[in-house]
């Protein structure tokens, strides 16, 4: 059994043909925090992460996978581990971009 853990990944899919979806690739931000509630506005992704805060990605390269992290705000400094703490705990799914 391997002791290596994968870092958090956000996958991109091409679902224009629902009978044959295509995995375009993924973006890793280097922590183990759980990501959730990704919101897309134009060419930006707003990604909530339980213990790694909010990350904003530029996805303007789609269908290419040259995603860039533009900004982040860490809501639980000192912990990027798996778990459900921080201010996003009660706001999950309630954002309205």
Protein backbone atom coordinates (compact mmCIF):
# COMPACT_ATOMS: atom_id res chain seq x y z
CA UNK A 1 0.00 0.00 0.00
CA UNK A 2 1.35 3.41 -0.97
CA UNK A 3 1.65 6.17 1.61
CA UNK A 4 1.70 8.87 -1.08
CA UNK A 5 -1.41 11.06 -1.18
CA UNK A 6 -2.56 13.03 -4.17
CA UNK A 7 -3.06 16.76 -3.89
CA UNK A 8 -6.39 18.43 -4.56
CA UNK A 9 -7.41 18.38 -8.22
CA UNK A 10 -10.10 20.15 -10.21
CA UNK A 11 -10.92 18.23 -13.38
CA UNK A 12 -12.18 19.71 -16.66
CA UNK A 13 -14.46 17.72 -18.95
CA UNK A 14 -15.80 18.30 -22.45
CA UNK A 15 -19.44 17.16 -22.22
CA UNK A 16 -20.74 18.43 -25.54
CA UNK A 17 -21.44 14.76 -26.39
CA UNK A 18 -22.93 13.25 -23.23
CA UNK A 19 -22.53 9.75 -24.68
CA UNK A 20 -18.76 10.28 -24.99
CA UNK A 21 -17.48 12.78 -22.41
CA UNK A 22 -13.79 13.65 -22.66
CA UNK A 23 -11.47 14.34 -19.73
CA UNK A 24 -9.46 17.40 -20.75
CA UNK A 25 -7.14 17.31 -17.74
CA UNK A 26 -6.87 18.68 -14.23
CA UNK A 27 -5.47 21.54 -12.16
CA UNK A 28 -3.66 20.79 -8.88
CA UNK A 29 -3.05 23.51 -6.33
CA UNK A 30 -0.66 21.60 -4.08
CA UNK A 31 -2.68 21.07 -0.88
CA UNK A 32 -4.70 18.16 0.46
CA UNK A 33 -7.75 20.32 1.28
CA UNK A 34 -11.09 19.23 -0.13
CA UNK A 35 -12.37 21.47 -2.93
CA UNK A 36 -16.09 22.03 -3.51
CA UNK A 37 -18.63 24.43 -4.98
CA UNK A 38 -16.69 25.57 -8.02
CA UNK A 39 -18.40 28.54 -9.67
CA UNK A 40 -17.52 29.61 -13.23
CA UNK A 41 -17.93 33.25 -14.22
CA UNK A 42 -16.63 33.99 -17.71
CA UNK A 43 -13.06 32.67 -17.80
CA UNK A 44 -12.66 32.53 -14.00
CA UNK A 45 -13.27 29.67 -11.58
CA UNK A 46 -13.99 30.50 -7.95
CA UNK A 47 -13.01 27.39 -6.02
CA UNK A 48 -13.88 26.92 -2.34
CA UNK A 49 -11.54 24.65 -0.36
CA UNK A 50 -12.44 23.62 3.19
CA UNK A 51 -9.09 24.38 4.82
CA UNK A 52 -7.26 26.08 1.96
CA UNK A 53 -9.74 28.92 1.47
CA UNK A 54 -10.84 30.47 -1.79
CA UNK A 55 -8.85 30.13 -4.99
CA UNK A 56 -9.49 32.01 -8.23
CA UNK A 57 -8.31 30.37 -11.44
CA UNK A 58 -8.07 31.67 -15.01
CA UNK A 59 -9.46 28.99 -17.33
CA UNK A 60 -9.31 31.07 -20.51
CA UNK A 61 -7.10 28.46 -22.17
CA UNK A 62 -9.91 25.86 -22.43
CA UNK A 63 -9.99 23.38 -24.05
CA UNK A 64 -6.28 23.58 -23.25
CA UNK A 65 -5.31 23.03 -19.63
CA UNK A 66 -2.99 25.99 -19.05
CA UNK A 67 -4.94 27.07 -15.95
CA UNK A 68 -3.37 29.80 -13.82
CA UNK A 69 -4.09 30.59 -10.21
CA UNK A 70 -4.79 34.32 -10.06
CA UNK A 71 -5.43 34.71 -6.35
CA UNK A 72 -6.23 32.91 -3.13
CA UNK A 73 -7.36 33.73 0.36
CA UNK A 74 -6.48 31.16 3.03
CA UNK A 75 -9.26 30.88 5.59
CA UNK A 76 -7.46 28.44 7.91
CA UNK A 77 -3.77 29.46 7.90
CA UNK A 78 -1.48 26.68 9.04
CA UNK A 79 -3.72 23.82 7.90
CA UNK A 80 -4.33 22.66 4.34
CA UNK A 81 -5.31 19.15 5.40
CA UNK A 82 -8.50 17.22 4.76
CA UNK A 83 -11.33 18.38 7.00
CA UNK A 84 -14.37 20.61 7.29
CA UNK A 85 -13.55 23.79 9.19
CA UNK A 86 -13.35 27.48 8.49
CA UNK A 87 -15.86 30.08 7.31
CA UNK A 88 -16.93 28.07 4.23
CA UNK A 89 -18.45 25.39 6.45
CA UNK A 90 -21.83 27.13 6.70
CA UNK A 91 -21.77 29.04 3.41
CA UNK A 92 -21.29 26.05 1.11
CA UNK A 93 -23.58 26.26 -1.88
CA UNK A 94 -24.99 29.67 -0.93
CA UNK A 95 -22.80 31.87 -3.10
CA UNK A 96 -24.47 33.79 -5.90
CA UNK A 97 -21.96 35.02 -8.42
